[in-house]
Protein backbone atom coordinates (compact mmCIF):
# COMPACT_ATOMS: atom_id res chain seq x y z
CA MET A 1 94.21 92.22 130.20
CA SER A 2 97.34 90.09 130.19
CA ILE A 3 97.45 86.59 128.74
CA MET A 4 99.21 85.62 131.98
CA GLU A 5 95.92 86.21 133.82
CA VAL A 6 93.96 83.70 131.76
CA GLU A 7 94.11 79.99 131.03
CA LYS A 8 94.63 78.90 127.42
CA ARG A 9 94.23 75.44 125.93
CA THR A 10 94.48 74.04 122.40
CA LEU A 11 91.25 72.52 121.05
CA SER A 12 92.58 71.38 117.67
CA GLU A 13 95.50 71.90 115.32
CA GLU A 14 95.39 71.27 111.58
CA LYS A 15 98.08 72.39 109.14
CA ASN A 16 98.92 75.99 110.10
CA ILE A 17 95.73 76.68 112.10
CA GLU A 18 95.54 76.17 115.85
CA GLU A 19 92.13 76.59 117.52
CA ILE A 20 92.35 77.64 121.15
CA GLU A 21 90.00 78.38 124.00
CA VAL A 22 90.84 81.11 126.49
CA THR A 23 89.22 81.13 129.93
CA VAL A 24 88.24 84.63 131.03
CA PRO A 25 88.04 84.98 134.85
CA SER A 26 84.66 86.13 136.11
CA ALA A 27 86.15 89.35 137.55
CA ILE A 28 87.47 90.39 134.14
CA TYR A 29 84.24 89.43 132.35
CA GLU A 30 82.11 91.34 134.86
CA SER A 31 84.38 94.39 134.65
CA VAL A 32 84.05 94.57 130.86
CA ARG A 33 80.30 93.87 131.04
CA ASP A 34 79.81 96.70 133.57
CA LYS A 35 81.80 99.06 131.35
CA VAL A 36 79.62 98.27 128.31
CA TYR A 37 76.39 98.77 130.27
CA ARG A 38 77.62 102.05 131.78
CA ASP A 39 78.45 103.31 128.33
CA LEU A 40 74.99 102.38 127.01
CA GLN A 41 73.22 103.84 130.06
CA GLY A 42 75.01 107.11 129.44
CA ARG A 43 73.99 107.20 125.78
CA VAL A 44 70.42 105.86 125.76
CA ARG A 45 67.60 108.30 126.55
CA LEU A 46 64.23 107.13 127.92
CA SER A 47 61.37 109.27 129.23
CA GLY A 48 61.00 108.98 133.01
CA PHE A 49 64.63 108.01 133.67
CA ARG A 50 67.60 110.22 134.40
CA PRO A 51 70.72 109.68 132.19
CA GLY A 52 72.67 106.69 133.47
CA LYS A 53 69.80 105.34 135.58
CA ILE A 54 67.97 103.12 133.07
CA PRO A 55 67.80 99.52 134.41
CA ARG A 56 69.89 96.94 132.61
CA GLN A 57 66.84 94.82 131.81
CA MET A 58 65.33 97.73 129.88
CA ILE A 59 68.67 98.33 128.11
CA ASP A 60 68.61 94.65 127.06
CA THR A 61 65.11 95.09 125.61
CA MET A 62 65.94 98.32 123.79
CA VAL A 63 69.32 97.35 122.36
CA GLY A 64 69.04 93.58 122.22
CA LYS A 65 70.78 91.22 124.63
CA GLU A 66 72.64 89.51 121.75
CA ASN A 67 74.11 92.84 120.64
CA ILE A 68 75.29 93.64 124.16
CA ASP A 69 76.92 90.21 124.51
CA ALA A 70 78.63 90.73 121.16
CA ALA A 71 80.03 94.10 122.33
CA ILE A 72 81.29 92.57 125.59
CA PHE A 73 83.13 89.74 123.85
CA GLU A 74 84.44 92.08 121.15
CA ASP A 75 86.16 94.17 123.82
CA ILE A 76 87.49 91.07 125.60
CA ALA A 77 88.65 89.47 122.35
CA THR A 78 90.48 92.62 121.24
CA ASP A 79 92.53 92.70 124.46
CA ILE A 80 93.29 88.98 124.39
CA ALA A 81 94.20 89.08 120.68
CA SER A 82 96.88 91.70 121.40
CA ASP A 83 98.41 89.43 124.02
CA LEU A 84 98.22 86.41 121.71
CA ILE A 85 100.09 88.34 119.01
CA GLU A 86 102.83 89.10 121.53
CA GLU A 87 102.93 85.48 122.72
CA TYR A 88 103.10 83.87 119.25
CA GLY A 89 105.12 86.67 117.65
CA ARG A 90 103.60 88.97 115.04
CA LYS A 91 105.98 87.76 112.32
CA ASN A 92 105.05 84.12 112.96
CA LEU A 93 101.38 84.79 112.17
CA VAL A 94 99.55 85.02 108.85
CA THR A 95 97.12 87.55 110.29
CA VAL A 96 95.73 88.65 113.67
CA PRO A 97 94.04 85.91 115.74
CA GLU A 98 90.56 85.19 114.37
CA PHE A 99 87.82 85.56 116.99
CA VAL A 100 85.39 82.63 116.66
CA GLU A 101 82.92 82.98 119.53
CA GLY A 102 82.50 83.86 123.18
CA LYS A 103 80.45 82.06 125.83
CA GLU A 104 79.18 83.93 128.86
CA PRO A 105 79.40 82.36 132.35
CA LYS A 106 76.84 79.63 133.00
CA LEU A 107 76.53 80.67 136.66
CA ILE A 108 77.05 83.93 138.50
CA GLY A 109 80.70 84.13 139.52
CA SER A 110 81.87 81.46 137.05
CA ASP A 111 84.28 82.06 134.17
CA ALA A 112 83.56 82.98 130.55
CA THR A 113 85.39 81.48 127.55
CA VAL A 114 86.56 82.86 124.21
CA ARG A 115 87.64 80.82 121.19
CA PHE A 116 90.20 81.91 118.58
CA LYS A 117 91.79 80.46 115.48
CA ILE A 118 95.50 81.20 115.30
CA HIS A 119 96.66 81.33 111.67
CA LYS A 120 100.39 80.65 111.90
CA LEU A 121 102.97 80.68 109.13
CA PRO A 122 102.76 77.25 107.46
CA LYS A 123 105.31 74.54 108.20
CA VAL A 124 107.67 73.64 105.39
CA SER A 125 109.85 70.64 104.54
CA LYS A 126 112.64 70.21 102.01
CA LYS A 127 112.27 68.18 98.83
CA PHE A 128 116.06 67.97 98.39
CA GLU A 129 119.08 66.62 100.25
CA ARG A 130 121.56 69.48 99.78
CA TYR A 131 121.22 73.12 98.78
CA GLU A 132 123.83 72.40 96.11
CA ASP A 133 121.18 70.27 94.38
CA ILE A 134 118.99 73.31 93.68
CA GLU A 135 119.22 74.92 90.24
CA PHE A 136 117.95 78.33 89.15
CA THR A 137 117.75 79.61 85.57
CA VAL A 138 118.04 83.38 85.17
CA LYS A 139 116.90 84.86 81.86
CA MET A 140 118.95 87.91 80.84
CA ASP A 141 119.64 89.96 77.74
CA PRO A 142 123.02 89.01 76.24
CA GLU A 143 125.69 91.08 78.00
CA GLU A 144 127.20 92.31 74.74
CA ASP A 145 123.80 93.54 73.50
CA PHE A 146 123.07 95.28 76.80
CA LEU A 147 126.44 97.03 76.90
CA LYS A 148 126.13 98.22 73.32
CA ARG A 149 122.57 99.48 73.82
CA ASN A 150 123.34 101.22 77.12
CA VAL A 151 126.48 102.96 75.82
CA GLU A 152 124.47 104.21 72.82
CA ARG A 153 121.74 105.49 75.14
CA LEU A 154 124.27 107.34 77.34
CA ILE A 155 125.98 108.86 74.31
CA GLU A 156 122.66 110.04 72.88
CA ARG A 157 121.85 111.64 76.23
CA PHE A 158 125.26 113.37 76.14
CA ARG A 159 124.62 114.67 72.62
CA ARG A 160 121.18 115.80 73.81
CA LEU A 161 122.92 118.41 76.01
CA SER A 162 123.83 120.34 72.84
CA ALA A 163 120.78 119.43 70.75
CA ILE A 164 119.14 121.99 68.49
CA LEU A 165 115.42 122.18 69.41
CA THR A 166 113.10 123.54 66.72
CA PRO A 167 109.45 124.20 67.67
CA VAL A 168 106.92 122.10 65.78
CA VAL A 169 104.09 124.20 64.33
CA ASN A 170 100.57 122.92 63.59
CA GLU A 171 101.52 119.25 63.98
CA GLY A 172 101.14 116.76 66.80
CA ALA A 173 104.13 115.22 68.58
CA LYS A 174 105.55 112.12 66.92
CA GLU A 175 108.25 109.53 67.55
CA GLY A 176 111.62 111.22 68.09
CA ASN A 177 110.18 114.61 69.09
CA ALA A 178 110.68 116.21 72.50
CA VAL A 179 107.67 117.36 74.50
CA ARG A 180 108.34 120.18 76.95
CA THR A 181 105.79 119.81 79.70
CA VAL A 182 104.98 120.66 83.29
CA MET A 183 104.51 117.27 84.96
CA ARG A 184 102.52 116.74 88.13
CA VAL A 185 101.48 113.47 89.78
CA TYR A 186 98.44 112.90 92.01
CA ASP A 187 97.21 109.93 94.04
CA VAL A 188 93.64 108.69 94.29
CA HIS A 189 92.88 111.32 96.92
CA LYS A 190 93.88 114.10 94.48
CA LYS A 191 96.96 114.77 96.58
CA ARG A 192 100.29 115.66 94.98
CA ARG A 193 102.65 112.67 94.82
CA ARG A 194 106.10 114.25 94.77
CA ASP A 195 107.81 110.92 95.50
CA VAL A 196 106.60 109.46 92.20
CA GLU A 197 107.27 112.76 90.43
CA GLU A 198 110.90 112.84 91.51
CA LYS A 199 111.40 109.19 90.56
CA TYR A 200 110.12 109.80 87.05
CA LYS A 201 111.85 113.17 86.62
CA ASP A 202 115.16 111.32 86.92
CA ARG A 203 114.32 109.63 83.61
CA PHE A 204 113.59 112.86 81.75
CA ILE A 205 115.60 116.00 80.97
CA GLU A 206 114.93 118.72 83.50
CA VAL A 207 114.71 122.23 82.04
CA GLU A 208 116.70 124.75 84.05
CA ASP A 209 116.15 128.53 84.46
CA SER A 210 112.40 128.22 84.11
CA GLU A 211 109.48 129.81 85.91
CA TYR A 212 108.05 126.28 86.19
CA MET A 213 109.61 124.12 88.90
CA ASP A 214 108.29 120.94 87.27
CA LEU A 215 109.30 121.59 83.65
CA VAL A 216 110.87 118.62 81.86
CA ASP A 217 111.63 117.59 78.29
CA ILE A 218 110.34 114.12 77.48
CA ASP A 219 111.90 112.51 74.41
CA LEU A 220 109.37 110.33 72.62
CA HIS A 221 111.14 107.01 72.11
CA GLN A 222 108.69 104.13 72.35
CA ASP A 223 111.27 101.58 73.52
CA GLU A 224 112.46 103.79 76.40
CA LEU A 225 109.24 105.31 77.73
CA ASP A 226 106.39 103.80 79.74
CA VAL A 227 103.79 102.86 77.12
CA ARG A 228 100.98 104.71 78.95
CA ILE A 229 102.96 107.96 79.08
CA TYR A 230 104.09 107.50 75.47
CA ASP A 231 100.51 106.94 74.26
CA ALA A 232 99.31 110.01 76.18
CA LEU A 233 101.94 112.31 74.64
CA ILE A 234 101.93 111.08 71.05
CA GLY A 235 99.98 113.61 68.97
CA VAL A 236 99.89 116.41 71.58
CA LYS A 237 100.31 120.06 70.62
CA LYS A 238 101.37 123.18 72.50
CA GLY A 239 98.71 124.10 75.08
CA ASP A 240 97.27 120.58 75.44
CA ARG A 241 96.70 118.93 78.81
CA VAL A 242 96.78 115.12 78.89
CA THR A 243 96.81 112.49 81.62
CA ALA A 244 98.23 109.00 82.05
CA VAL A 245 97.19 106.61 84.83
CA LEU A 246 99.85 104.28 86.25
CA GLU A 247 100.04 102.13 89.38
CA ASP A 248 102.38 102.49 92.33
CA GLU A 249 104.16 99.64 94.11
CA LEU A 250 101.01 98.94 96.18
CA GLY A 251 98.81 98.64 93.11
CA GLU A 252 97.04 101.96 93.71
CA GLU A 253 96.50 104.36 90.85
CA VAL A 254 98.58 107.50 90.38
CA THR A 255 97.59 110.07 87.77
CA PHE A 256 100.21 111.92 85.73
CA VAL A 257 99.08 115.31 84.41
CA PHE A 258 101.08 116.89 81.57
CA ASP A 259 100.62 120.55 80.57
CA VAL A 260 102.33 120.82 77.18
CA LYS A 261 104.37 124.01 76.76
CA GLU A 262 106.06 123.15 73.48
CA VAL A 263 106.80 120.36 71.03
CA TYR A 264 110.24 120.23 69.39
CA GLU A 265 112.08 118.56 66.57
CA VAL A 266 115.36 117.32 68.03
CA GLU A 267 118.56 117.63 66.01
CA LEU A 268 121.53 115.98 67.69
CA PRO A 269 125.05 117.23 66.96
CA GLU A 270 127.75 114.92 65.65
CA LEU A 271 129.82 113.31 68.41
CA THR A 272 133.35 114.74 68.07
CA ASP A 273 136.31 115.38 70.34
CA ASP A 274 135.44 119.09 70.30
CA LEU A 275 131.87 118.36 71.45
CA VAL A 276 133.22 116.19 74.28
CA LYS A 277 135.60 118.95 75.43
CA GLU A 278 132.87 121.61 75.31
CA ASN A 279 130.42 119.62 77.42
CA SER A 280 132.72 117.85 79.86
CA ASN A 281 135.48 118.78 82.27
CA GLU A 282 136.61 115.17 82.63
CA TYR A 283 137.06 113.83 79.11
CA GLU A 284 139.14 115.00 76.17
CA THR A 285 138.15 112.61 73.39
CA VAL A 286 135.24 110.51 72.16
CA LYS A 287 137.21 107.40 73.12
CA ASP A 288 137.57 108.63 76.73
CA LEU A 289 133.81 109.19 76.92
CA LYS A 290 132.93 105.81 75.40
CA ASP A 291 135.37 104.01 77.72
CA GLU A 292 133.75 105.68 80.76
CA TYR A 293 130.26 104.81 79.56
CA LEU A 294 131.33 101.21 78.93
CA ASP A 295 132.62 100.93 82.52
CA ARG A 296 129.34 102.39 83.84
CA SER A 297 127.37 99.98 81.68
CA ARG A 298 129.31 97.00 83.02
CA GLU A 299 128.53 98.13 86.58
CA ALA A 300 124.88 98.53 85.62
CA TYR A 301 124.83 95.03 84.09
CA ASP A 302 126.29 93.55 87.27
CA LEU A 303 123.58 95.26 89.34
CA ILE A 304 120.84 94.10 86.98
CA THR A 305 122.22 90.55 87.03
CA ASP A 306 122.16 90.55 90.83
CA PHE A 307 118.58 91.89 90.77
CA PHE A 308 117.38 89.17 88.38
CA LYS A 309 119.14 86.45 90.37
CA ARG A 310 117.31 87.54 93.52
CA GLU A 311 114.01 87.88 91.67
CA THR A 312 114.38 84.35 90.23
CA ILE A 313 115.19 82.95 93.68
CA ARG A 314 112.13 84.66 95.16
CA ASP A 315 109.89 83.25 92.42
CA ASP A 316 111.28 79.70 92.24
CA ILE A 317 112.61 78.71 95.69
CA VAL A 318 109.18 77.56 96.94
CA ASN A 319 109.19 74.85 94.25
CA TYR A 320 111.87 73.02 96.25
CA PHE A 321 109.78 72.85 99.44
CA ASP A 322 106.50 71.33 100.57
CA VAL A 323 104.40 74.04 102.23
CA ASP A 324 101.60 72.76 104.51
CA MET A 325 99.17 75.66 104.21
CA SER A 326 95.43 75.66 104.90
CA GLU A 327 93.09 77.18 102.32
CA GLU A 328 91.08 78.49 105.26
CA SER A 329 93.86 80.99 105.97
CA ILE A 330 93.83 82.10 102.34
CA GLN A 331 90.05 82.55 102.45
CA LEU A 332 90.35 84.66 105.60
CA LEU A 333 92.94 86.90 103.93
CA LEU A 334 90.70 87.23 100.87
CA LYS A 335 87.82 88.28 103.12
CA LYS A 336 89.98 90.94 104.77
CA TYR A 337 91.20 92.10 101.34
CA ARG A 338 87.62 92.54 100.10
CA LYS A 339 86.69 94.49 103.23
CA ASP A 340 89.68 96.77 102.73
CA GLU A 341 88.77 97.09 99.05
CA ASN A 342 85.27 98.31 99.95
CA GLU A 343 86.79 100.97 102.18
CA LYS A 344 89.24 101.97 99.40
CA PRO A 345 87.20 101.87 96.17
CA TRP A 346 90.09 103.32 94.15
CA LYS A 347 92.10 100.08 94.48
CA ARG A 348 92.38 98.05 91.28
CA LYS A 349 89.81 95.28 91.18
CA ARG A 350 91.26 91.75 91.19
CA SER A 351 89.47 88.42 90.88
CA ASP A 352 89.23 86.11 93.90
CA GLU A 353 91.64 83.61 92.33
CA GLU A 354 94.14 86.36 91.50
CA VAL A 355 94.12 87.62 95.08
CA LYS A 356 94.37 84.10 96.56
CA ASP A 357 97.27 83.19 94.27
CA VAL A 358 99.16 86.27 95.42
CA TYR A 359 98.61 85.37 99.09
CA ARG A 360 99.60 81.73 98.54
CA ARG A 361 102.82 82.79 96.87
CA LEU A 362 103.70 85.44 99.47
CA LEU A 363 102.97 83.21 102.47
CA ALA A 364 104.84 80.25 100.98
CA ARG A 365 107.88 82.42 100.26
CA GLU A 366 107.83 83.94 103.75
CA ALA A 367 107.60 80.50 105.37
CA VAL A 368 110.42 79.13 103.21
CA TYR A 369 112.73 82.11 103.83
CA LYS A 370 112.07 81.83 107.56
CA PHE A 371 112.90 78.10 107.48
CA ILE A 372 116.14 78.62 105.53
CA ALA A 373 117.23 81.46 107.82
CA GLU A 374 116.61 79.46 111.00
CA GLU A 375 118.21 76.28 109.65
CA ASN A 376 121.38 78.06 108.50
CA GLY A 377 121.79 80.78 111.13
CA LEU A 378 120.94 83.65 108.79
CA GLU A 379 118.68 85.65 111.10
CA PRO A 380 119.79 89.31 111.36
CA LYS A 381 122.00 90.28 114.30
CA GLU A 382 121.23 93.27 116.51
CA GLU A 383 124.20 95.22 115.14
CA ASP A 384 122.98 94.62 111.57
CA ILE A 385 119.52 95.91 112.44
CA GLU A 386 120.96 98.99 114.15
CA LYS A 387 123.20 99.73 111.17
CA GLU A 388 120.25 99.51 108.78
CA LEU A 389 118.06 101.64 111.06
CA SER A 390 120.84 104.25 111.25
CA SER A 391 120.98 104.45 107.45
CA LEU A 392 117.19 104.63 107.20
CA ALA A 393 117.05 107.34 109.88
CA GLU A 394 119.60 109.44 108.00
CA ARG A 395 117.62 109.15 104.76
CA ASN A 396 114.41 110.20 106.54
CA GLY A 397 116.00 113.02 108.52
CA ILE A 398 115.29 111.61 111.99
CA THR A 399 117.40 110.40 114.90
CA LEU A 400 118.46 106.79 115.39
CA ALA A 401 116.51 106.72 118.67
CA ARG A 402 113.32 107.70 116.84
CA ALA A 403 114.00 105.08 114.14
CA LYS A 404 114.38 102.40 116.83
CA LEU A 405 111.08 103.49 118.36
CA TYR A 406 109.34 103.21 114.99
CA TYR A 407 110.90 99.77 114.51
CA LYS A 408 109.63 98.54 117.88
CA THR A 409 106.11 99.90 117.33
CA GLY A 410 105.72 98.41 113.86
CA THR A 411 105.83 101.64 111.87
CA SER A 412 106.60 101.26 108.16
CA PRO A 413 109.19 101.26 106.63
CA PHE A 414 111.23 100.76 109.83
CA SER A 415 109.29 97.70 111.01
CA GLY A 416 110.44 95.60 108.06
CA VAL A 417 114.17 96.16 108.51
CA ASP A 418 114.90 92.79 110.12
CA ARG A 419 112.97 90.94 107.43
CA GLU A 420 114.81 92.81 104.64
CA ILE A 421 118.17 91.89 106.17
CA ARG A 422 117.09 88.27 106.61
CA ASP A 423 115.89 88.08 102.99
CA ARG A 424 119.22 89.43 101.70
CA ASN A 425 121.09 86.93 103.86
CA VAL A 426 118.97 84.05 102.55
CA GLU A 427 119.43 85.12 98.93
CA ASP A 428 123.19 85.60 99.39
CA PHE A 429 123.35 82.10 100.91
CA LEU A 430 121.39 80.55 98.03
CA MET A 431 123.47 82.36 95.41
CA GLU A 432 126.59 80.93 97.03
CA LYS A 433 125.30 77.37 97.52
CA CYS A 434 123.00 76.73 94.56
CA LYS A 435 123.69 76.40 90.86
CA ILE A 436 122.58 79.47 88.91
CA ASP A 437 122.57 79.36 85.11
CA ILE A 438 122.51 82.68 83.26
CA VAL A 439 120.61 82.05 80.03
CA GLU A 440 120.29 84.63 77.28
CA LYS A 441 116.69 85.68 76.72
CA ALA A 442 117.02 85.42 72.95
CA SER A 443 118.04 81.74 73.07
CA VAL A 444 115.29 80.92 75.58
CA GLU A 445 112.66 82.56 73.38
CA GLU A 446 113.97 80.68 70.34
CA GLU A 447 113.75 77.34 72.20
CA GLU A 448 110.20 78.12 73.36
CA HIS A 449 109.22 79.03 69.80
CA GLU A 450 110.74 75.79 68.47
CA ASP A 451 108.91 73.78 71.15
CA ALA A 452 105.61 75.45 70.27
CA THR A 453 106.15 74.88 66.54
CA SER A 454 107.01 71.23 67.15
CA THR A 455 103.91 70.73 69.32
CA ASN A 456 101.62 72.34 66.76
CA SER A 457 103.06 70.28 63.92
CA ASN A 458 102.40 67.08 65.84
């Protein structure tokens, strides 16, 4: 059914919700009704009647007329909803059109009607005159502290290449030890999660020339290791199997399984020019190595600074806009979330308020980013989208044509390419126009402590 075949009118519009009524021509209604009855006649069995020959009146009695009407309008509403999504634009909607009710024709040959609530992205308005008036405060570790700490970490990892490993006997692993383990990661369906495995293996020291493909050495340093993995491995001995449960980016649990093959004391060699020469083809002296690591650390600090700027913008930009959003939309999303949660019992349980707060924040940010992009001409261009799809296709080992097809049909991660480009454009624009203060975390924490002390003393 095409939306062009039916008449649509707005019944009411409040905040971001538009209630509409769609007129369904009698021919379409009767066609769907006949299809539903034929399906039921083919399924229902009644003594004395051949399959498909049971009268409709008897079908009504057996199944219930209200249930049949519900099935008819469910089919009609599904088709119309697809057309409404295309008409309004999927990315302009909070969720799919909400079917409210259907009314069958009052007379034979007259039209039926279907009502929907369209939950659109909320409208926003600025609280400021110029983007230059906006200020963001980014909390960062002092650059000097970061550089010093990162260079020390890289040097320790370099020394680790020539470390002397002595097996620990009859004692559990403690801080500073290395645990040699086969690491495997599983999702809630007990399926192997190699994507998470590979991501975490990059943080550990992979053991080469081993019969185990997944063998890694994990150095037990509390300030460098995820606390859940650290807690699982502290105290382990050779032959133990332990698990740690973490969450992926979607909030679903992933289980790390560690089969401990050995526990070692780690003795690091002194950092000398000779050690540098033995373990590197690029550097001759300790100074050369430290200079290289300092340059890498500066690059890393620049990347981290950019990340925290964007994160701060994402968190704070909505404070500079009024967002006219209906709580009814939030309640609908909560209802859908709970339904999905029942179908996926492994998902972490969240309170209603926690879920609603997340949706409020996400919808407000999406509406604000969309407003800024449209107002300042920051929407992605076709050539930008194609360039990003080409890169994504290469990473996934598929053709550009297939990537474009996935993008058009809404297949993740290709479907979100235009939004990712738009978000980067918006953040680049805000970083250029707005005032961004980089504040050292230490000084911020000291100020907060002083404020708290002052408040308590009063």
